[in-house]
Amino acid sequence: MLGVEVKNIHMAKHGSDSGVYDSKGRFVSWKFEEIFAKFARTHSDALTSDELKAMLKANREPKDYRGWVASWTEWITLYNLCKDKEGLLKKETIRGVYDGSLFQQMEREKLAAAGKKK
């Protein structure tokens, strides 16, 4: 599957982020894995709501209020849209945000659901 190329992704970086993209917009795989090594306590391949909140708190830079709001908005939106029935945000779902495949998957699911309603 092809990833989504965002030419200026590095310009969307903000303080208090996860560091999964570096300052040049490159995916940093060890930072991605670090999210789960540090915060995924209930399941090694997913984050609960509390684990996600702990990550957001740990990533806060002092007095970086804009970064706090940006990170919180991004992650809580992702959690609310993509958590499973057990309230888990799966690792592969999060990876899909970074490589762009999540958005294609969500589109396919929406089209399939619309087709079932007909």
PDB file of N, CA and C in Angstrom:
ATOM      1  N   MET A   1       0.842  -1.172   0.000  1.00  0.00           N
ATOM      2  CA  MET A   1       0.000   0.000   0.000  1.00  0.00           C
ATOM      3  C   MET A   1       0.891   1.239   0.000  1.00  0.00           C
ATOM      4  N   LEU A   2       0.517   2.206  -0.743  1.00  0.00           N
ATOM      5  CA  LEU A   2       1.278   3.446  -0.812  1.00  0.00           C
ATOM      6  C   LEU A   2       0.944   4.341   0.366  1.00  0.00           C
ATOM      7  N   GLY A   3       1.957   5.005   0.903  1.00  0.00           N
ATOM      8  CA  GLY A   3       1.738   5.956   1.969  1.00  0.00           C
ATOM      9  C   GLY A   3       1.308   7.301   1.418  1.00  0.00           C
ATOM     10  N   VAL A   4       0.882   8.148   2.292  1.00  0.00           N
ATOM     11  CA  VAL A   4       0.512   9.498   1.905  1.00  0.00           C
ATOM     12  C   VAL A   4       1.745  10.370   2.048  1.00  0.00           C
ATOM     13  N   GLU A   5       2.134  11.027   0.987  1.00  0.00           N
ATOM     14  CA  GLU A   5       3.288  11.917   1.040  1.00  0.00           C
ATOM     15  C   GLU A   5       2.791  13.333   1.288  1.00  0.00           C
ATOM     16  N   VAL A   6       3.259  13.906   2.355  1.00  0.00           N
ATOM     17  CA  VAL A   6       2.888  15.271   2.686  1.00  0.00           C
ATOM     18  C   VAL A   6       4.164  16.094   2.618  1.00  0.00           C
ATOM     19  N   LYS A   7       4.264  16.892   1.579  1.00  0.00           N
ATOM     20  CA  LYS A   7       5.493  17.618   1.282  1.00  0.00           C
ATOM     21  C   LYS A   7       5.988  18.462   2.456  1.00  0.00           C
ATOM     22  N   ASN A   8       5.087  19.123   3.122  1.00  0.00           N
ATOM     23  CA  ASN A   8       5.493  20.053   4.177  1.00  0.00           C
ATOM     24  C   ASN A   8       5.088  19.587   5.576  1.00  0.00           C
ATOM     25  N   ILE A   9       5.083  18.280   5.818  1.00  0.00           N
ATOM     26  CA  ILE A   9       4.677  17.763   7.119  1.00  0.00           C
ATOM     27  C   ILE A   9       5.537  18.337   8.244  1.00  0.00           C
ATOM     28  N   HIS A  10       6.793  18.612   7.961  1.00  0.00           N
ATOM     29  CA  HIS A  10       7.683  19.161   8.993  1.00  0.00           C
ATOM     30  C   HIS A  10       7.197  20.522   9.484  1.00  0.00           C
ATOM     31  N   MET A  11       6.425  21.229   8.659  1.00  0.00           N
ATOM     32  CA  MET A  11       5.908  22.534   9.064  1.00  0.00           C
ATOM     33  C   MET A  11       4.713  22.395  10.011  1.00  0.00           C
ATOM     34  N   ALA A  12       4.160  21.199  10.105  1.00  0.00           N
ATOM     35  CA  ALA A  12       3.027  20.960  10.998  1.00  0.00           C
ATOM     36  C   ALA A  12       3.484  20.493  12.379  1.00  0.00           C
ATOM     37  N   LYS A  13       4.791  20.314  12.554  1.00  0.00           N
ATOM     38  CA  LYS A  13       5.298  19.917  13.863  1.00  0.00           C
ATOM     39  C   LYS A  13       5.049  21.029  14.868  1.00  0.00           C
ATOM     40  N   HIS A  14       4.826  20.617  16.091  1.00  0.00           N
ATOM     41  CA  HIS A  14       4.608  21.578  17.169  1.00  0.00           C
ATOM     42  C   HIS A  14       5.269  21.030  18.420  1.00  0.00           C
ATOM     43  N   GLY A  15       5.421  21.883  19.386  1.00  0.00           N
ATOM     44  CA  GLY A  15       5.980  21.447  20.652  1.00  0.00           C
ATOM     45  C   GLY A  15       5.059  20.437  21.317  1.00  0.00           C
ATOM     46  N   SER A  16       5.586  19.711  22.261  1.00  0.00           N
ATOM     47  CA  SER A  16       4.836  18.719  23.029  1.00  0.00           C
ATOM     48  C   SER A  16       4.274  17.591  22.169  1.00  0.00           C
ATOM     49  N   ASP A  17       4.874  17.361  20.999  1.00  0.00           N
ATOM     50  CA  ASP A  17       4.405  16.261  20.151  1.00  0.00           C
ATOM     51  C   ASP A  17       5.141  14.970  20.518  1.00  0.00           C
ATOM     52  N   SER A  18       4.829  13.906  19.824  1.00  0.00           N
ATOM     53  CA  SER A  18       5.398  12.593  20.139  1.00  0.00           C
ATOM     54  C   SER A  18       6.813  12.405  19.610  1.00  0.00           C
ATOM     55  N   GLY A  19       7.237  13.252  18.668  1.00  0.00           N
ATOM     56  CA  GLY A  19       8.562  13.117  18.077  1.00  0.00           C
ATOM     57  C   GLY A  19       8.648  12.033  17.016  1.00  0.00           C
ATOM     58  N   VAL A  20       7.515  11.469  16.622  1.00  0.00           N
ATOM     59  CA  VAL A  20       7.525  10.390  15.632  1.00  0.00           C
ATOM     60  C   VAL A  20       7.922  10.906  14.253  1.00  0.00           C
ATOM     61  N   TYR A  21       7.659  12.159  13.982  1.00  0.00           N
ATOM     62  CA  TYR A  21       8.219  12.820  12.800  1.00  0.00           C
ATOM     63  C   TYR A  21       9.358  13.706  13.285  1.00  0.00           C
ATOM     64  N   ASP A  22      10.491  13.691  12.585  1.00  0.00           N
ATOM     65  CA  ASP A  22      11.591  14.578  12.966  1.00  0.00           C
ATOM     66  C   ASP A  22      11.383  15.961  12.348  1.00  0.00           C
ATOM     67  N   SER A  23      12.335  16.857  12.545  1.00  0.00           N
ATOM     68  CA  SER A  23      12.191  18.241  12.078  1.00  0.00           C
ATOM     69  C   SER A  23      12.157  18.359  10.560  1.00  0.00           C
ATOM     70  N   LYS A  24      12.548  17.284   9.864  1.00  0.00           N
ATOM     71  CA  LYS A  24      12.490  17.291   8.399  1.00  0.00           C
ATOM     72  C   LYS A  24      11.300  16.487   7.874  1.00  0.00           C
ATOM     73  N   GLY A  25      10.439  16.042   8.775  1.00  0.00           N
ATOM     74  CA  GLY A  25       9.245  15.315   8.365  1.00  0.00           C
ATOM     75  C   GLY A  25       9.441  13.835   8.129  1.00  0.00           C
ATOM     76  N   ARG A  26      10.566  13.285   8.570  1.00  0.00           N
ATOM     77  CA  ARG A  26      10.834  11.854   8.396  1.00  0.00           C
ATOM     78  C   ARG A  26      10.258  11.061   9.575  1.00  0.00           C
ATOM     79  N   PHE A  27       9.687   9.915   9.265  1.00  0.00           N
ATOM     80  CA  PHE A  27       9.162   9.011  10.281  1.00  0.00           C
ATOM     81  C   PHE A  27      10.323   8.436  11.081  1.00  0.00           C
ATOM     82  N   VAL A  28      10.231   8.506  12.405  1.00  0.00           N
ATOM     83  CA  VAL A  28      11.273   7.997  13.298  1.00  0.00           C
ATOM     84  C   VAL A  28      10.706   6.755  13.992  1.00  0.00           C
ATOM     85  N   SER A  29      11.042   5.593  13.454  1.00  0.00           N
ATOM     86  CA  SER A  29      10.407   4.349  13.914  1.00  0.00           C
ATOM     87  C   SER A  29      10.658   4.068  15.395  1.00  0.00           C
ATOM     88  N   TRP A  30      11.849   4.365  15.892  1.00  0.00           N
ATOM     89  CA  TRP A  30      12.115   4.073  17.298  1.00  0.00           C
ATOM     90  C   TRP A  30      11.287   4.952  18.223  1.00  0.00           C
ATOM     91  N   LYS A  31      10.946   6.174  17.801  1.00  0.00           N
ATOM     92  CA  LYS A  31      10.074   7.036  18.610  1.00  0.00           C
ATOM     93  C   LYS A  31       8.649   6.476  18.619  1.00  0.00           C
ATOM     94  N   PHE A  32       8.237   5.933  17.480  1.00  0.00           N
ATOM     95  CA  PHE A  32       6.920   5.296  17.409  1.00  0.00           C
ATOM     96  C   PHE A  32       6.867   4.108  18.372  1.00  0.00           C
ATOM     97  N   GLU A  33       7.875   3.261  18.322  1.00  0.00           N
ATOM     98  CA  GLU A  33       7.915   2.088  19.204  1.00  0.00           C
ATOM     99  C   GLU A  33       8.005   2.495  20.671  1.00  0.00           C
ATOM    100  N   GLU A  34       8.672   3.609  20.929  1.00  0.00           N
ATOM    101  CA  GLU A  34       8.828   4.103  22.294  1.00  0.00           C
ATOM    102  C   GLU A  34       7.480   4.436  22.939  1.00  0.00           C
ATOM    103  N   ILE A  35       6.533   4.903  22.141  1.00  0.00           N
ATOM    104  CA  ILE A  35       5.192   5.194  22.669  1.00  0.00           C
ATOM    105  C   ILE A  35       4.652   3.963  23.395  1.00  0.00           C
ATOM    106  N   PHE A  36       4.772   2.820  22.768  1.00  0.00           N
ATOM    107  CA  PHE A  36       4.207   1.591  23.329  1.00  0.00           C
ATOM    108  C   PHE A  36       5.081   1.017  24.434  1.00  0.00           C
ATOM    109  N   ALA A  37       6.385   1.149  24.291  1.00  0.00           N
ATOM    110  CA  ALA A  37       7.287   0.665  25.341  1.00  0.00           C
ATOM    111  C   ALA A  37       7.061   1.428  26.645  1.00  0.00           C
ATOM    112  N   LYS A  38       6.804   2.713  26.545  1.00  0.00           N
ATOM    113  CA  LYS A  38       6.638   3.542  27.739  1.00  0.00           C
ATOM    114  C   LYS A  38       5.220   3.545  28.300  1.00  0.00           C
ATOM    115  N   PHE A  39       4.219   3.509  27.431  1.00  0.00           N
ATOM    116  CA  PHE A  39       2.866   3.807  27.892  1.00  0.00           C
ATOM    117  C   PHE A  39       1.851   2.679  27.757  1.00  0.00           C
ATOM    118  N   ALA A  40       2.078   1.694  26.914  1.00  0.00           N
ATOM    119  CA  ALA A  40       1.111   0.604  26.721  1.00  0.00           C
ATOM    120  C   ALA A  40       1.290  -0.429  27.830  1.00  0.00           C
ATOM    121  N   ARG A  41       0.562  -0.276  28.904  1.00  0.00           N
ATOM    122  CA  ARG A  41       0.700  -1.155  30.066  1.00  0.00           C
ATOM    123  C   ARG A  41      -0.341  -2.274  30.072  1.00  0.00           C
ATOM    124  N   THR A  42      -1.538  -1.992  29.600  1.00  0.00           N
ATOM    125  CA  THR A  42      -2.612  -2.982  29.605  1.00  0.00           C
ATOM    126  C   THR A  42      -2.419  -4.006  28.496  1.00  0.00           C
ATOM    127  N   HIS A  43      -2.104  -3.525  27.299  1.00  0.00           N
ATOM    128  CA  HIS A  43      -1.832  -4.357  26.123  1.00  0.00           C
ATOM    129  C   HIS A  43      -0.600  -3.773  25.442  1.00  0.00           C
ATOM    130  N   SER A  44       0.332  -4.598  25.046  1.00  0.00           N
ATOM    131  CA  SER A  44       1.578  -4.095  24.453  1.00  0.00           C
ATOM    132  C   SER A  44       1.376  -3.465  23.079  1.00  0.00           C
ATOM    133  N   ASP A  45       0.236  -3.748  22.451  1.00  0.00           N
ATOM    134  CA  ASP A  45      -0.008  -3.248  21.092  1.00  0.00           C
ATOM    135  C   ASP A  45      -1.171  -2.264  21.011  1.00  0.00           C
ATOM    136  N   ALA A  46      -1.486  -1.617  22.140  1.00  0.00           N
ATOM    137  CA  ALA A  46      -2.614  -0.681  22.145  1.00  0.00           C
ATOM    138  C   ALA A  46      -2.502   0.261  23.338  1.00  0.00           C
ATOM    139  N   LEU A  47      -3.211   1.379  23.246  1.00  0.00           N
ATOM    140  CA  LEU A  47      -3.269   2.345  24.339  1.00  0.00           C
ATOM    141  C   LEU A  47      -4.707   2.480  24.828  1.00  0.00           C
ATOM    142  N   THR A  48      -4.867   2.496  26.142  1.00  0.00           N
ATOM    143  CA  THR A  48      -6.163   2.817  26.735  1.00  0.00           C
ATOM    144  C   THR A  48      -6.276   4.339  26.809  1.00  0.00           C
ATOM    145  N   SER A  49      -7.441   4.814  27.176  1.00  0.00           N
ATOM    146  CA  SER A  49      -7.636   6.254  27.346  1.00  0.00           C
ATOM    147  C   SER A  49      -6.673   6.811  28.395  1.00  0.00           C
ATOM    148  N   ASP A  50      -6.545   6.127  29.517  1.00  0.00           N
ATOM    149  CA  ASP A  50      -5.649   6.595  30.582  1.00  0.00           C
ATOM    150  C   ASP A  50      -4.186   6.571  30.146  1.00  0.00           C
ATOM    151  N   GLU A  51      -3.797   5.544  29.403  1.00  0.00           N
ATOM    152  CA  GLU A  51      -2.415   5.464  28.910  1.00  0.00           C
ATOM    153  C   GLU A  51      -2.132   6.577  27.907  1.00  0.00           C
ATOM    154  N   LEU A  52      -3.102   6.867  27.074  1.00  0.00           N
ATOM    155  CA  LEU A  52      -2.954   7.963  26.117  1.00  0.00           C
ATOM    156  C   LEU A  52      -2.796   9.294  26.846  1.00  0.00           C
ATOM    157  N   LYS A  53      -3.605   9.515  27.857  1.00  0.00           N
ATOM    158  CA  LYS A  53      -3.508  10.754  28.642  1.00  0.00           C
ATOM    159  C   LYS A  53      -2.161  10.847  29.358  1.00  0.00           C
ATOM    160  N   ALA A  54      -1.655   9.723  29.841  1.00  0.00           N
ATOM    161  CA  ALA A  54      -0.333   9.712  30.484  1.00  0.00           C
ATOM    162  C   ALA A  54       0.751  10.092  29.482  1.00  0.00           C
ATOM    163  N   MET A  55       0.637   9.596  28.250  1.00  0.00           N
ATOM    164  CA  MET A  55       1.607   9.945  27.208  1.00  0.00           C
ATOM    165  C   MET A  55       1.557  11.441  26.911  1.00  0.00           C
ATOM    166  N   LEU A  56       0.357  11.963  26.765  1.00  0.00           N
ATOM    167  CA  LEU A  56       0.222  13.390  26.469  1.00  0.00           C
ATOM    168  C   LEU A  56       0.827  14.235  27.583  1.00  0.00           C
ATOM    169  N   LYS A  57       0.592  13.846  28.812  1.00  0.00           N
ATOM    170  CA  LYS A  57       1.149  14.579  29.952  1.00  0.00           C
ATOM    171  C   LYS A  57       2.673  14.494  29.959  1.00  0.00           C
ATOM    172  N   ALA A  58       3.215  13.318  29.687  1.00  0.00           N
ATOM    173  CA  ALA A  58       4.672  13.125  29.683  1.00  0.00           C
ATOM    174  C   ALA A  58       5.350  13.908  28.563  1.00  0.00           C
ATOM    175  N   ASN A  59       4.655  14.113  27.453  1.00  0.00           N
ATOM    176  CA  ASN A  59       5.236  14.826  26.309  1.00  0.00           C
ATOM    177  C   ASN A  59       5.146  16.345  26.424  1.00  0.00           C
ATOM    178  N   ARG A  60       4.473  16.838  27.432  1.00  0.00           N
ATOM    179  CA  ARG A  60       4.304  18.287  27.559  1.00  0.00           C
ATOM    180  C   ARG A  60       5.637  18.986  27.790  1.00  0.00           C
ATOM    181  N   GLU A  61       5.850  20.024  27.025  1.00  0.00           N
ATOM    182  CA  GLU A  61       6.995  20.900  27.253  1.00  0.00           C
ATOM    183  C   GLU A  61       6.511  22.059  28.121  1.00  0.00           C
ATOM    184  N   PRO A  62       7.327  22.533  29.057  1.00  0.00           N
ATOM    185  CA  PRO A  62       6.893  23.598  29.957  1.00  0.00           C
ATOM    186  C   PRO A  62       6.381  24.834  29.209  1.00  0.00           C
ATOM    187  N   LYS A  63       5.233  25.305  29.641  1.00  0.00           N
ATOM    188  CA  LYS A  63       4.596  26.533  29.136  1.00  0.00           C
ATOM    189  C   LYS A  63       4.326  26.517  27.631  1.00  0.00           C
ATOM    190  N   ASP A  64       4.249  25.342  27.058  1.00  0.00           N
ATOM    191  CA  ASP A  64       3.954  25.202  25.627  1.00  0.00           C
ATOM    192  C   ASP A  64       2.462  24.934  25.460  1.00  0.00           C
ATOM    193  N   TYR A  65       1.651  25.917  25.809  1.00  0.00           N
ATOM    194  CA  TYR A  65       0.207  25.727  25.837  1.00  0.00           C
ATOM    195  C   TYR A  65      -0.365  25.393  24.462  1.00  0.00           C
ATOM    196  N   ARG A  66       0.137  26.014  23.427  1.00  0.00           N
ATOM    197  CA  ARG A  66      -0.329  25.691  22.070  1.00  0.00           C
ATOM    198  C   ARG A  66      -0.003  24.243  21.708  1.00  0.00           C
ATOM    199  N   GLY A  67       1.195  23.812  22.033  1.00  0.00           N
ATOM    200  CA  GLY A  67       1.589  22.431  21.765  1.00  0.00           C
ATOM    201  C   GLY A  67       0.746  21.439  22.544  1.00  0.00           C
ATOM    202  N   TRP A  68       0.424  21.774  23.806  1.00  0.00           N
ATOM    203  CA  TRP A  68      -0.416  20.899  24.618  1.00  0.00           C
ATOM    204  C   TRP A  68      -1.781  20.726  23.957  1.00  0.00           C
ATOM    205  N   VAL A  69      -2.361  21.855  23.545  1.00  0.00           N
ATOM    206  CA  VAL A  69      -3.695  21.814  22.926  1.00  0.00           C
ATOM    207  C   VAL A  69      -3.646  21.067  21.595  1.00  0.00           C
ATOM    208  N   ALA A  70      -2.617  21.334  20.797  1.00  0.00           N
ATOM    209  CA  ALA A  70      -2.496  20.661  19.497  1.00  0.00           C
ATOM    210  C   ALA A  70      -2.370  19.148  19.682  1.00  0.00           C
ATOM    211  N   SER A  71      -1.489  18.722  20.567  1.00  0.00           N
ATOM    212  CA  SER A  71      -1.310  17.284  20.803  1.00  0.00           C
ATOM    213  C   SER A  71      -2.579  16.650  21.346  1.00  0.00           C
ATOM    214  N   TRP A  72      -3.179  17.297  22.323  1.00  0.00           N
ATOM    215  CA  TRP A  72      -4.399  16.760  22.920  1.00  0.00           C
ATOM    216  C   TRP A  72      -5.486  16.622  21.859  1.00  0.00           C
ATOM    217  N   THR A  73      -5.664  17.653  21.048  1.00  0.00           N
ATOM    218  CA  THR A  73      -6.697  17.625  20.008  1.00  0.00           C
ATOM    219  C   THR A  73      -6.451  16.494  19.016  1.00  0.00           C
ATOM    220  N   GLU A  74      -5.225  16.368  18.549  1.00  0.00           N
ATOM    221  CA  GLU A  74      -4.894  15.319  17.575  1.00  0.00           C
ATOM    222  C   GLU A  74      -5.143  13.919  18.138  1.00  0.00           C
ATOM    223  N   TRP A  75      -4.606  13.667  19.318  1.00  0.00           N
ATOM    224  CA  TRP A  75      -4.667  12.319  19.874  1.00  0.00           C
ATOM    225  C   TRP A  75      -6.054  11.946  20.381  1.00  0.00           C
ATOM    226  N   ILE A  76      -6.739  12.877  21.028  1.00  0.00           N
ATOM    227  CA  ILE A  76      -8.076  12.563  21.544  1.00  0.00           C
ATOM    228  C   ILE A  76      -9.056  12.376  20.391  1.00  0.00           C
ATOM    229  N   THR A  77      -8.893  13.160  19.331  1.00  0.00           N
ATOM    230  CA  THR A  77      -9.731  12.962  18.147  1.00  0.00           C
ATOM    231  C   THR A  77      -9.487  11.575  17.562  1.00  0.00           C
ATOM    232  N   LEU A  78      -8.224  11.202  17.414  1.00  0.00           N
ATOM    233  CA  LEU A  78      -7.893   9.874  16.900  1.00  0.00           C
ATOM    234  C   LEU A  78      -8.481   8.788  17.795  1.00  0.00           C
ATOM    235  N   TYR A  79      -8.312   8.940  19.093  1.00  0.00           N
ATOM    236  CA  TYR A  79      -8.842   7.948  20.028  1.00  0.00           C
ATOM    237  C   TYR A  79     -10.354   7.803  19.879  1.00  0.00           C
ATOM    238  N   ASN A  80     -11.059   8.921  19.873  1.00  0.00           N
ATOM    239  CA  ASN A  80     -12.517   8.870  19.793  1.00  0.00           C
ATOM    240  C   ASN A  80     -13.019   8.308  18.470  1.00  0.00           C
ATOM    241  N   LEU A  81     -12.312   8.563  17.389  1.00  0.00           N
ATOM    242  CA  LEU A  81     -12.717   8.040  16.082  1.00  0.00           C
ATOM    243  C   LEU A  81     -12.354   6.571  15.883  1.00  0.00           C
ATOM    244  N   CYS A  82     -11.257   6.136  16.484  1.00  0.00           N
ATOM    245  CA  CYS A  82     -10.683   4.841  16.096  1.00  0.00           C
ATOM    246  C   CYS A  82     -10.538   3.808  17.204  1.00  0.00           C
ATOM    247  N   LYS A  83     -10.941   4.119  18.420  1.00  0.00           N
ATOM    248  CA  LYS A  83     -10.833   3.098  19.475  1.00  0.00           C
ATOM    249  C   LYS A  83     -11.735   1.918  19.127  1.00  0.00           C
ATOM    250  N   ASP A  84     -11.352   0.751  19.613  1.00  0.00           N
ATOM    251  CA  ASP A  84     -12.178  -0.425  19.359  1.00  0.00           C
ATOM    252  C   ASP A  84     -13.257  -0.543  20.437  1.00  0.00           C
ATOM    253  N   LYS A  85     -14.014  -1.620  20.412  1.00  0.00           N
ATOM    254  CA  LYS A  85     -15.135  -1.801  21.343  1.00  0.00           C
ATOM    255  C   LYS A  85     -14.684  -1.922  22.796  1.00  0.00           C
ATOM    256  N   GLU A  86     -13.429  -2.285  22.994  1.00  0.00           N
ATOM    257  CA  GLU A  86     -12.882  -2.392  24.352  1.00  0.00           C
ATOM    258  C   GLU A  86     -12.226  -1.089  24.807  1.00  0.00           C
ATOM    259  N   GLY A  87     -12.290  -0.048  23.974  1.00  0.00           N
ATOM    260  CA  GLY A  87     -11.694   1.236  24.330  1.00  0.00           C
ATOM    261  C   GLY A  87     -10.198   1.300  24.095  1.00  0.00           C
ATOM    262  N   LEU A  88      -9.694   0.459  23.193  1.00  0.00           N
ATOM    263  CA  LEU A  88      -8.259   0.419  22.906  1.00  0.00           C
ATOM    264  C   LEU A  88      -7.957   1.077  21.566  1.00  0.00           C
ATOM    265  N   LEU A  89      -6.916   1.871  21.551  1.00  0.00           N
ATOM    266  CA  LEU A  89      -6.407   2.455  20.313  1.00  0.00           C
ATOM    267  C   LEU A  89      -5.216   1.602  19.896  1.00  0.00           C
ATOM    268  N   LYS A  90      -5.410   0.804  18.866  1.00  0.00           N
ATOM    269  CA  LYS A  90      -4.421  -0.194  18.444  1.00  0.00           C
ATOM    270  C   LYS A  90      -3.199   0.436  17.772  1.00  0.00           C
ATOM    271  N   LYS A  91      -2.080  -0.218  17.954  1.00  0.00           N
ATOM    272  CA  LYS A  91      -0.802   0.214  17.388  1.00  0.00           C
ATOM    273  C   LYS A  91      -0.888   0.356  15.873  1.00  0.00           C
ATOM    274  N   GLU A  92      -1.485  -0.611  15.204  1.00  0.00           N
ATOM    275  CA  GLU A  92      -1.580  -0.556  13.738  1.00  0.00           C
ATOM    276  C   GLU A  92      -2.461   0.602  13.279  1.00  0.00           C
ATOM    277  N   THR A  93      -3.456   0.949  14.066  1.00  0.00           N
ATOM    278  CA  THR A  93      -4.293   2.108  13.740  1.00  0.00           C
ATOM    279  C   THR A  93      -3.459   3.378  13.807  1.00  0.00           C
ATOM    280  N   ILE A  94      -2.678   3.497  14.860  1.00  0.00           N
ATOM    281  CA  ILE A  94      -1.828   4.681  15.018  1.00  0.00           C
ATOM    282  C   ILE A  94      -0.785   4.729  13.910  1.00  0.00           C
ATOM    283  N   ARG A  95      -0.204   3.589  13.589  1.00  0.00           N
ATOM    284  CA  ARG A  95       0.763   3.543  12.486  1.00  0.00           C
ATOM    285  C   ARG A  95       0.098   4.020  11.190  1.00  0.00           C
ATOM    286  N   GLY A  96      -1.166   3.670  11.015  1.00  0.00           N
ATOM    287  CA  GLY A  96      -1.916   4.084   9.834  1.00  0.00           C
ATOM    288  C   GLY A  96      -2.057   5.587   9.701  1.00  0.00           C
ATOM    289  N   VAL A  97      -2.064   6.291  10.821  1.00  0.00           N
ATOM    290  CA  VAL A  97      -2.083   7.760  10.759  1.00  0.00           C
ATOM    291  C   VAL A  97      -0.777   8.253  10.165  1.00  0.00           C
ATOM    292  N   TYR A  98       0.322   7.688  10.635  1.00  0.00           N
ATOM    293  CA  TYR A  98       1.634   8.144  10.191  1.00  0.00           C
ATOM    294  C   TYR A  98       1.949   7.779   8.745  1.00  0.00           C
ATOM    295  N   ASP A  99       1.454   6.642   8.269  1.00  0.00           N
ATOM    296  CA  ASP A  99       1.740   6.282   6.871  1.00  0.00           C
ATOM    297  C   ASP A  99       0.596   6.632   5.922  1.00  0.00           C
ATOM    298  N   GLY A 100      -0.495   7.140   6.474  1.00  0.00           N
ATOM    299  CA  GLY A 100      -1.619   7.582   5.649  1.00  0.00           C
ATOM    300  C   GLY A 100      -2.629   6.506   5.323  1.00  0.00           C
ATOM    301  N   SER A 101      -2.341   5.261   5.657  1.00  0.00           N
ATOM    302  CA  SER A 101      -3.246   4.172   5.282  1.00  0.00           C
ATOM    303  C   SER A 101      -4.548   4.174   6.078  1.00  0.00           C
ATOM    304  N   LEU A 102      -4.555   4.760   7.261  1.00  0.00           N
ATOM    305  CA  LEU A 102      -5.773   4.796   8.069  1.00  0.00           C
ATOM    306  C   LEU A 102      -6.900   5.512   7.333  1.00  0.00           C
ATOM    307  N   PHE A 103      -6.559   6.594   6.666  1.00  0.00           N
ATOM    308  CA  PHE A 103      -7.585   7.390   6.001  1.00  0.00           C
ATOM    309  C   PHE A 103      -8.200   6.630   4.830  1.00  0.00           C
ATOM    310  N   GLN A 104      -7.388   5.868   4.131  1.00  0.00           N
ATOM    311  CA  GLN A 104      -7.894   5.028   3.041  1.00  0.00           C
ATOM    312  C   GLN A 104      -8.779   3.919   3.602  1.00  0.00           C
ATOM    313  N   GLN A 105      -8.371   3.336   4.714  1.00  0.00           N
ATOM    314  CA  GLN A 105      -9.152   2.277   5.355  1.00  0.00           C
ATOM    315  C   GLN A 105     -10.499   2.820   5.827  1.00  0.00           C
ATOM    316  N   MET A 106     -10.491   3.991   6.451  1.00  0.00           N
ATOM    317  CA  MET A 106     -11.738   4.590   6.929  1.00  0.00           C
ATOM    318  C   MET A 106     -12.685   4.880   5.768  1.00  0.00           C
ATOM    319  N   GLU A 107     -12.138   5.317   4.650  1.00  0.00           N
ATOM    320  CA  GLU A 107     -12.965   5.574   3.474  1.00  0.00           C
ATOM    321  C   GLU A 107     -13.598   4.277   2.975  1.00  0.00           C
ATOM    322  N   ARG A 108     -12.807   3.209   2.891  1.00  0.00           N
ATOM    323  CA  ARG A 108     -13.338   1.918   2.438  1.00  0.00           C
ATOM    324  C   ARG A 108     -14.449   1.428   3.366  1.00  0.00           C
ATOM    325  N   GLU A 109     -14.235   1.569   4.665  1.00  0.00           N
ATOM    326  CA  GLU A 109     -15.237   1.120   5.635  1.00  0.00           C
ATOM    327  C   GLU A 109     -16.522   1.933   5.520  1.00  0.00           C
ATOM    328  N   LYS A 110     -16.378   3.230   5.316  1.00  0.00           N
ATOM    329  CA  LYS A 110     -17.553   4.094   5.175  1.00  0.00           C
ATOM    330  C   LYS A 110     -18.332   3.734   3.911  1.00  0.00           C
ATOM    331  N   LEU A 111     -17.626   3.499   2.810  1.00  0.00           N
ATOM    332  CA  LEU A 111     -18.288   3.116   1.563  1.00  0.00           C
ATOM    333  C   LEU A 111     -18.971   1.758   1.696  1.00  0.00           C
ATOM    334  N   ALA A 112     -18.318   0.832   2.370  1.00  0.00           N
ATOM    335  CA  ALA A 112     -18.908  -0.495   2.573  1.00  0.00           C
ATOM    336  C   ALA A 112     -20.169  -0.399   3.430  1.00  0.00           C
ATOM    337  N   ALA A 113     -20.120   0.421   4.472  1.00  0.00           N
ATOM    338  CA  ALA A 113     -21.291   0.598   5.332  1.00  0.00           C
ATOM    339  C   ALA A 113     -22.436   1.251   4.567  1.00  0.00           C
ATOM    340  N   ALA A 114     -22.103   2.209   3.714  1.00  0.00           N
ATOM    341  CA  ALA A 114     -23.130   2.876   2.904  1.00  0.00           C
ATOM    342  C   ALA A 114     -23.753   1.891   1.920  1.00  0.00           C
ATOM    343  N   GLY A 115     -22.952   0.989   1.378  1.00  0.00           N
ATOM    344  CA  GLY A 115     -23.450  -0.026   0.449  1.00  0.00           C
ATOM    345  C   GLY A 115     -24.395  -1.008   1.115  1.00  0.00           C
ATOM    346  N   LYS A 116     -24.163  -1.312   2.392  1.00  0.00           N
ATOM    347  CA  LYS A 116     -25.025  -2.236   3.131  1.00  0.00           C
ATOM    348  C   LYS A 116     -26.387  -1.622   3.434  1.00  0.00           C
ATOM    349  N   LYS A 117     -26.439  -0.297   3.531  1.00  0.00           N
ATOM    350  CA  LYS A 117     -27.695   0.386   3.847  1.00  0.00           C
ATOM    351  C   LYS A 117     -28.649   0.404   2.664  1.00  0.00           C
ATOM    352  N   LYS A 118     -28.123   0.211   1.459  1.00  0.00           N
ATOM    353  CA  LYS A 118     -28.961   0.273   0.252  1.00  0.00           C
ATOM    354  C   LYS A 118     -29.823  -0.942   0.100  1.00  0.00           C
TER     355      LYS A 118
END
